Amino acid sequence: MEQQSLFHCGMTAQESAILQDAQPGVQSEPSLDDYDRFIVFFSGGKDSVACFLWLLDQGISVEKIELHHHLVDGREGSELMDWPITTDYCTKFAASFGVRMSFSWKEGGFEREMLRHEAPTAPVHFYTQSGEKRQIGGVGPLGTREKFPQVSADLSVRWCSSYLKIGVGEAYIVNDPVFRQGKTLVLTGERAEESTARARYKAFEPHRSDNRDGVRVKRWVDVFRAVHSWKEAQVWDIMRKYGVNPHPAYHLGLSRTSCMACIFGSPQQWAMLKTYMPRHFSRIANYETAFGTTIKRGATVEATAAKGIAPELDPYWLDIAMGNDFTAPILIEPSTWVLPLGAFGETSGPT
């Protein structure tokens, strides 16, 4: 019987990076007519937005597209790491385009996984496309973390990506029977311009949930990094074309929409967090002290923030970013669209 919970955590950077192999005859991009459905792993950030808009540019009907968002802090109970507004931004984005929106999450989210002590990793939750709520996992080997993910390309120590995004997305596809029918194309927003490691990712290949050659259960799933070769200007251009109002993080001056308290944050971002989100910052600093292990090697978040200068934030966008209701319009008139403050700014993110 097929494994019902596939997380593949503890991967090496080499295993997770999915390097670009220049092999003659290997298909470099998909034929979209071959697929029955398309899933965009959707953070609300500019690159995943661009993947969705690219599908529209290719003439793909919204009826065949699904936006899928991983709830980093879980469904309820914890508000440690992510922007409070992100879930509602994603929900209203999907509604504005009339496209299906779905979510998956690890029970207890980031905080429960970080505090794990002699316990198995928490189960994953999601709703199938038929509306059935599923819980996968929650049993297995005991383990202890009691430390933040570390700033590293190695997902065995930068566990937030593998346990809270990659693993839960895979669990969703593996355990919803709809994906055993026809062919599925997953789209993700990594771009080569972001780092030398991402530049080496394959643009198109079988997804980690693929099981096309399975004997008892077959599941054809490919992944396409649709904007892999794009420059940042192309991403903003397609958002301008459709009049998409960017996530509030960009209006506040950040160049990426990752977690509000992303471990890769620059000194300026940590200074921003300490100044404008003091409750979140204090909890993170206190956890570092309790664990005796810092996020960044050789420096506490207090020391990192001290090296930066908190920017002056627009109170309108700060209020929206820290709330749960995206009250601004998702779609605006393209002729009035302007670049957000964070466009072409400093890049602090995964290698």
Protein backbone atom coordinates (compact mmCIF):
# COMPACT_ATOMS: atom_id res chain seq x y z
CA MET A 1 0.00 0.00 0.00
CA GLU A 2 1.27 3.46 -0.85
CA GLN A 3 2.81 5.59 1.90
CA GLN A 4 0.14 8.03 3.12
CA SER A 5 2.37 10.76 4.52
CA LEU A 6 5.37 11.81 2.48
CA PHE A 7 7.46 14.54 4.04
CA HIS A 8 11.05 13.63 3.12
CA CYS A 9 12.29 15.92 5.89
CA GLY A 10 15.94 15.97 6.85
CA MET A 11 16.92 16.39 3.21
CA THR A 12 20.35 17.60 2.26
CA ALA A 13 20.70 20.80 0.29
CA GLN A 14 21.87 18.73 -2.65
CA GLU A 15 18.73 16.59 -2.57
CA SER A 16 16.38 19.52 -2.24
CA ALA A 17 18.01 21.93 -4.67
CA ILE A 18 17.01 19.90 -7.74
CA LEU A 19 19.91 20.89 -9.86
CA GLN A 20 19.64 21.78 -13.52
CA ASP A 21 21.10 18.97 -15.60
CA ALA A 22 21.81 19.84 -19.21
CA GLN A 23 20.65 16.55 -20.72
CA PRO A 24 20.00 16.40 -24.45
CA GLY A 25 16.43 15.53 -25.29
CA VAL A 26 15.00 16.41 -21.85
CA GLN A 27 11.81 18.47 -22.16
CA SER A 28 12.45 21.95 -20.76
CA GLU A 29 8.84 23.14 -20.49
CA PRO A 30 5.41 21.53 -20.41
CA SER A 31 2.80 21.27 -23.13
CA LEU A 32 -0.11 22.83 -21.26
CA ASP A 33 -2.71 21.00 -23.34
CA ASP A 34 -1.54 17.75 -21.70
CA TYR A 35 -2.82 18.69 -18.24
CA ASP A 36 -6.23 18.34 -16.63
CA ARG A 37 -5.54 20.73 -13.77
CA PHE A 38 -3.03 23.34 -12.63
CA ILE A 39 -2.04 24.12 -9.04
CA VAL A 40 -0.10 27.26 -8.21
CA PHE A 41 1.62 27.00 -4.82
CA PHE A 42 0.62 30.50 -3.85
CA SER A 43 2.31 32.57 -1.14
CA GLY A 44 0.68 35.86 -2.13
CA GLY A 45 4.12 37.11 -3.16
CA LYS A 46 4.89 38.59 -6.55
CA ASP A 47 6.45 35.48 -8.11
CA SER A 48 3.57 33.12 -7.34
CA VAL A 49 1.15 35.83 -8.49
CA ALA A 50 3.13 36.01 -11.75
CA CYS A 51 2.84 32.22 -12.20
CA PHE A 52 -0.94 32.46 -11.99
CA LEU A 53 -1.13 35.44 -14.34
CA TRP A 54 1.17 33.62 -16.78
CA LEU A 55 -1.37 30.78 -16.92
CA LEU A 56 -4.07 33.30 -17.77
CA ASP A 57 -1.84 34.71 -20.51
CA GLN A 58 -1.59 31.18 -21.95
CA GLY A 59 -5.37 30.98 -22.19
CA ILE A 60 -5.86 28.51 -19.33
CA SER A 61 -9.37 28.72 -17.91
CA VAL A 62 -9.68 29.58 -14.21
CA GLU A 63 -11.89 26.49 -13.87
CA LYS A 64 -8.76 24.37 -14.35
CA ILE A 65 -6.59 26.37 -11.92
CA GLU A 66 -6.26 26.13 -8.15
CA LEU A 67 -4.28 28.43 -5.87
CA HIS A 68 -2.90 26.55 -2.87
CA HIS A 69 -1.49 28.32 0.17
CA HIS A 70 0.49 26.81 3.05
CA LEU A 71 -0.47 28.33 6.42
CA VAL A 72 2.93 28.71 8.08
CA ASP A 73 1.53 29.48 11.53
CA GLY A 74 -1.19 26.85 11.22
CA ARG A 75 -4.91 27.36 11.08
CA GLU A 76 -5.30 28.76 14.58
CA GLY A 77 -3.52 29.32 17.86
CA SER A 78 -0.15 30.75 16.77
CA GLU A 79 0.74 34.11 15.24
CA LEU A 80 4.49 34.09 15.62
CA MET A 81 6.04 34.30 12.17
CA ASP A 82 3.77 35.20 9.27
CA TRP A 83 2.05 38.40 8.22
CA PRO A 84 -1.44 38.35 9.76
CA ILE A 85 -2.99 39.66 6.51
CA THR A 86 -1.56 37.02 4.17
CA THR A 87 -4.40 34.50 4.45
CA ASP A 88 -7.09 37.06 3.68
CA TYR A 89 -5.02 38.60 0.88
CA CYS A 90 -4.76 35.17 -0.77
CA THR A 91 -8.46 34.48 -0.23
CA LYS A 92 -9.58 37.77 -1.74
CA PHE A 93 -7.09 37.49 -4.59
CA ALA A 94 -8.63 34.15 -5.57
CA ALA A 95 -12.16 35.54 -5.25
CA SER A 96 -11.29 38.52 -7.46
CA PHE A 97 -10.28 36.18 -10.28
CA GLY A 98 -12.96 33.55 -9.62
CA VAL A 99 -10.37 30.83 -9.05
CA ARG A 100 -10.43 28.01 -6.48
CA MET A 101 -8.41 28.66 -3.30
CA SER A 102 -7.26 25.88 -0.95
CA PHE A 103 -5.07 25.67 2.14
CA SER A 104 -2.91 23.12 3.92
CA TRP A 105 -1.22 23.43 7.28
CA LYS A 106 0.70 21.57 9.93
CA GLU A 107 -1.21 21.43 13.20
CA GLY A 108 0.17 24.10 15.51
CA GLY A 109 2.21 25.55 12.65
CA PHE A 110 5.74 26.87 12.98
CA GLU A 111 5.63 27.35 16.75
CA ARG A 112 4.54 23.81 17.64
CA GLU A 113 7.18 22.29 15.37
CA MET A 114 9.85 24.56 16.86
CA LEU A 115 8.89 23.61 20.42
CA ARG A 116 8.72 19.87 19.69
CA HIS A 117 10.27 17.85 22.52
CA GLU A 118 10.44 14.05 22.33
CA ALA A 119 7.34 14.02 20.16
CA PRO A 120 6.48 13.17 16.55
CA THR A 121 6.00 15.95 14.05
CA ALA A 122 2.40 17.21 14.04
CA PRO A 123 -0.19 16.06 11.50
CA VAL A 124 -1.03 17.92 8.30
CA HIS A 125 -4.56 19.16 7.65
CA PHE A 126 -6.34 20.06 4.43
CA TYR A 127 -9.67 19.74 2.65
CA THR A 128 -9.90 17.57 -0.42
CA GLN A 129 -11.38 19.03 -3.57
CA SER A 130 -14.59 17.13 -2.77
CA GLY A 131 -14.81 19.01 0.55
CA GLU A 132 -13.67 16.24 2.92
CA LYS A 133 -11.38 17.34 5.77
CA ARG A 134 -8.28 15.16 6.00
CA GLN A 135 -5.66 14.75 8.71
CA ILE A 136 -2.44 13.03 7.67
CA GLY A 137 0.44 11.95 9.89
CA GLY A 138 1.01 12.86 13.51
CA VAL A 139 2.62 9.55 14.32
CA GLY A 140 6.19 8.47 13.79
CA PRO A 141 9.61 8.77 15.36
CA LEU A 142 10.03 11.02 18.37
CA GLY A 143 12.20 14.06 17.95
CA THR A 144 13.25 17.29 19.62
CA ARG A 145 13.90 20.68 18.01
CA GLU A 146 13.70 23.49 20.56
CA LYS A 147 15.46 25.87 18.22
CA PHE A 148 14.59 28.12 15.28
CA PRO A 149 15.36 27.04 11.73
CA GLN A 150 18.92 28.02 10.90
CA VAL A 151 19.97 30.35 8.09
CA SER A 152 21.23 27.72 5.66
CA ALA A 153 20.60 26.25 2.23
CA ASP A 154 20.41 22.83 3.92
CA LEU A 155 16.74 22.00 4.56
CA SER A 156 17.67 19.58 7.32
CA VAL A 157 18.45 22.61 9.50
CA ARG A 158 16.34 25.21 7.68
CA TRP A 159 13.38 23.04 8.50
CA CYS A 160 10.67 25.70 8.08
CA SER A 161 10.62 25.20 4.30
CA SER A 162 10.63 21.40 4.36
CA TYR A 163 8.19 20.83 7.23
CA LEU A 164 5.75 23.73 6.78
CA LYS A 165 5.62 24.14 2.99
CA ILE A 166 7.19 21.37 0.92
CA GLY A 167 5.96 18.55 3.13
CA VAL A 168 2.41 19.79 3.59
CA GLY A 169 2.02 20.50 -0.12
CA GLU A 170 3.16 16.99 -0.95
CA ALA A 171 0.84 15.48 1.66
CA TYR A 172 -2.10 17.31 0.08
CA ILE A 173 -1.44 15.98 -3.41
CA VAL A 174 -0.58 12.45 -2.29
CA ASN A 175 -3.70 12.09 -0.17
CA ASP A 176 -6.45 13.68 -2.29
CA PRO A 177 -7.73 10.98 -4.68
CA VAL A 178 -8.52 13.58 -7.36
CA PHE A 179 -4.82 13.70 -8.24
CA ARG A 180 -4.93 10.06 -9.32
CA GLN A 181 -7.07 11.16 -12.25
CA GLY A 182 -5.48 12.69 -15.33
CA LYS A 183 -2.40 14.88 -15.18
CA THR A 184 -1.55 17.72 -12.81
CA LEU A 185 0.92 20.56 -13.29
CA VAL A 186 2.19 22.31 -10.16
CA LEU A 187 3.61 25.81 -10.62
CA THR A 188 6.08 27.41 -8.21
CA GLY A 189 7.71 30.83 -8.33
CA GLU A 190 11.45 30.31 -7.87
CA ARG A 191 13.48 32.59 -10.15
CA ALA A 192 17.08 32.13 -11.28
CA GLU A 193 17.81 35.80 -10.62
CA GLU A 194 17.26 35.28 -6.89
CA SER A 195 20.38 33.22 -6.19
CA THR A 196 23.04 31.03 -7.78
CA ALA A 197 21.43 27.95 -6.22
CA ARG A 198 17.99 28.76 -7.64
CA ALA A 199 19.57 29.46 -10.99
CA ARG A 200 20.48 25.76 -11.12
CA TYR A 201 16.96 24.46 -10.44
CA LYS A 202 15.31 22.58 -13.26
CA ALA A 203 12.51 24.60 -14.79
CA PHE A 204 10.39 21.51 -15.51
CA GLU A 205 10.43 17.99 -14.04
CA PRO A 206 8.27 15.42 -12.22
CA HIS A 207 7.00 16.74 -8.89
CA ARG A 208 8.10 14.98 -5.70
CA SER A 209 4.52 13.64 -5.32
CA ASP A 210 4.59 12.05 -8.78
CA ASN A 211 3.90 8.33 -8.98
CA ARG A 212 3.21 7.86 -12.70
CA ASP A 213 4.83 4.44 -12.77
CA GLY A 214 3.08 3.15 -9.65
CA VAL A 215 1.67 -0.36 -9.80
CA ARG A 216 -1.40 0.07 -7.58
CA VAL A 217 -1.70 3.88 -7.40
CA LYS A 218 -0.74 6.07 -10.32
CA ARG A 219 -0.43 9.83 -10.02
CA TRP A 220 1.01 11.99 -12.79
CA VAL A 221 2.26 15.28 -11.32
CA ASP A 222 4.85 17.59 -12.87
CA VAL A 223 6.24 20.85 -11.55
CA PHE A 224 7.01 23.90 -13.67
CA ARG A 225 8.90 26.92 -12.39
CA ALA A 226 7.11 29.14 -14.84
CA VAL A 227 8.99 32.38 -14.10
CA HIS A 228 12.38 30.78 -13.51
CA SER A 229 14.09 32.76 -16.27
CA TRP A 230 12.23 36.02 -15.61
CA LYS A 231 13.82 39.22 -14.35
CA GLU A 232 12.07 41.10 -11.56
CA ALA A 233 10.93 43.77 -14.02
CA GLN A 234 8.94 41.13 -15.94
CA VAL A 235 7.16 40.10 -12.76
CA TRP A 236 6.08 43.65 -12.01
CA ASP A 237 5.10 44.16 -15.64
CA ILE A 238 2.61 41.29 -15.65
CA MET A 239 1.15 42.50 -12.34
CA ARG A 240 0.77 45.95 -13.87
CA LYS A 241 -0.91 44.44 -16.94
CA TYR A 242 -3.61 42.81 -14.80
CA GLY A 243 -3.79 45.65 -12.27
CA VAL A 244 -2.90 43.44 -9.29
CA ASN A 245 -2.43 45.33 -6.04
CA PRO A 246 0.66 43.74 -4.43
CA HIS A 247 0.75 42.21 -0.96
CA PRO A 248 1.10 44.90 1.76
CA ALA A 249 4.69 43.82 2.51
CA TYR A 250 5.77 45.36 -0.80
CA HIS A 251 3.98 48.62 0.02
CA LEU A 252 5.89 48.70 3.31
CA GLY A 253 9.19 48.58 1.43
CA LEU A 254 10.11 44.89 1.53
CA SER A 255 11.33 43.27 -1.67
CA ARG A 256 9.95 39.82 -0.78
CA THR A 257 6.73 38.51 0.72
CA SER A 258 7.91 35.68 2.90
CA CYS A 259 7.18 35.42 6.62
CA MET A 260 7.01 38.72 8.45
CA ALA A 261 9.77 37.38 10.72
CA CYS A 262 11.68 35.51 8.01
CA ILE A 263 14.90 34.01 9.36
CA PHE A 264 16.72 35.46 6.33
CA GLY A 265 15.69 39.02 7.24
CA SER A 266 18.27 41.78 6.93
CA PRO A 267 19.25 44.05 9.84
CA GLN A 268 16.79 46.63 8.48
CA GLN A 269 13.97 44.07 8.49
CA TRP A 270 14.72 42.96 12.05
CA ALA A 271 14.89 46.62 13.12
CA MET A 272 11.49 47.11 11.47
CA LEU A 273 10.11 44.12 13.37
CA LYS A 274 11.45 45.39 16.69
CA THR A 275 10.05 48.88 16.13
CA TYR A 276 6.64 48.15 14.63
CA MET A 277 5.91 44.56 15.72
CA PRO A 278 7.46 44.56 19.21
CA ARG A 279 5.30 41.72 20.56
CA HIS A 280 6.45 39.35 17.81
CA PHE A 281 10.06 40.50 18.11
CA SER A 282 10.15 40.04 21.89
CA ARG A 283 8.76 36.52 21.69
CA ILE A 284 11.38 35.56 19.11
CA ALA A 285 14.20 37.12 21.14
CA ASN A 286 12.98 35.34 24.28
CA TYR A 287 12.85 32.01 22.47
CA GLU A 288 16.45 32.49 21.31
CA THR A 289 17.49 33.04 24.92
CA ALA A 290 15.55 30.01 26.14
CA PHE A 291 16.98 27.75 23.44
CA GLY A 292 20.54 29.01 23.79
CA THR A 293 20.69 28.92 19.98
CA THR A 294 20.34 31.97 17.72
CA ILE A 295 18.73 32.08 14.28
CA LYS A 296 21.78 33.63 12.67
CA ARG A 297 25.14 32.18 13.63
CA GLY A 298 26.99 34.39 16.08
CA ALA A 299 24.28 37.04 16.46
CA THR A 300 20.99 37.32 18.32
CA VAL A 301 18.04 39.02 16.67
CA GLU A 302 18.62 41.87 19.13
CA ALA A 303 22.19 42.29 17.84
CA THR A 304 21.03 41.98 14.23
CA ALA A 305 18.30 44.60 14.70
CA ALA A 306 20.82 46.95 16.32
CA LYS A 307 22.78 46.99 13.07
CA GLY A 308 19.77 48.21 11.08
CA ILE A 309 17.65 51.32 10.99
CA ALA A 310 13.91 50.84 11.00
CA PRO A 311 12.36 52.57 7.98
CA GLU A 312 9.38 54.86 8.32
CA LEU A 313 6.36 52.77 7.38
CA ASP A 314 3.13 53.96 5.78
CA PRO A 315 0.57 53.71 8.61
CA TYR A 316 -2.21 52.80 6.17
CA TRP A 317 -0.38 49.74 4.87
CA LEU A 318 1.01 48.84 8.28
CA ASP A 319 -2.52 48.72 9.67
CA ILE A 320 -3.66 46.46 6.83
CA ALA A 321 -0.58 44.23 7.05
CA MET A 322 -1.12 43.61 10.76
CA GLY A 323 -4.85 42.97 10.42
CA ASN A 324 -6.95 40.04 9.21
CA ASP A 325 -9.09 41.85 6.64
CA PHE A 326 -7.60 43.05 3.36
CA THR A 327 -9.75 46.14 2.87
CA ALA A 328 -7.85 47.55 -0.12
CA PRO A 329 -8.90 46.47 -3.63
CA ILE A 330 -7.12 43.46 -5.11
CA LEU A 331 -7.56 44.77 -8.65
CA ILE A 332 -6.97 48.38 -9.62
CA GLU A 333 -7.01 50.19 -12.94
CA PRO A 334 -3.77 49.25 -14.74
CA SER A 335 -3.31 52.83 -15.97
CA THR A 336 -3.07 53.99 -12.34
CA TRP A 337 -0.84 51.12 -11.17
CA VAL A 338 2.56 52.16 -9.77
CA LEU A 339 5.49 50.13 -8.49
CA PRO A 340 5.31 49.46 -4.75
CA LEU A 341 7.97 50.89 -2.48
CA GLY A 342 9.74 47.53 -2.13
CA ALA A 343 10.23 46.91 -5.85
CA PHE A 344 13.88 46.27 -6.76
CA GLY A 345 14.89 46.59 -3.10
CA GLU A 346 17.36 44.63 -1.00
CA THR A 347 17.09 40.88 -1.38
CA SER A 348 17.18 38.85 1.81
CA GLY A 349 15.95 35.34 1.28
CA PRO A 350 16.79 31.68 0.73
CA THR A 351 19.95 30.89 -1.18
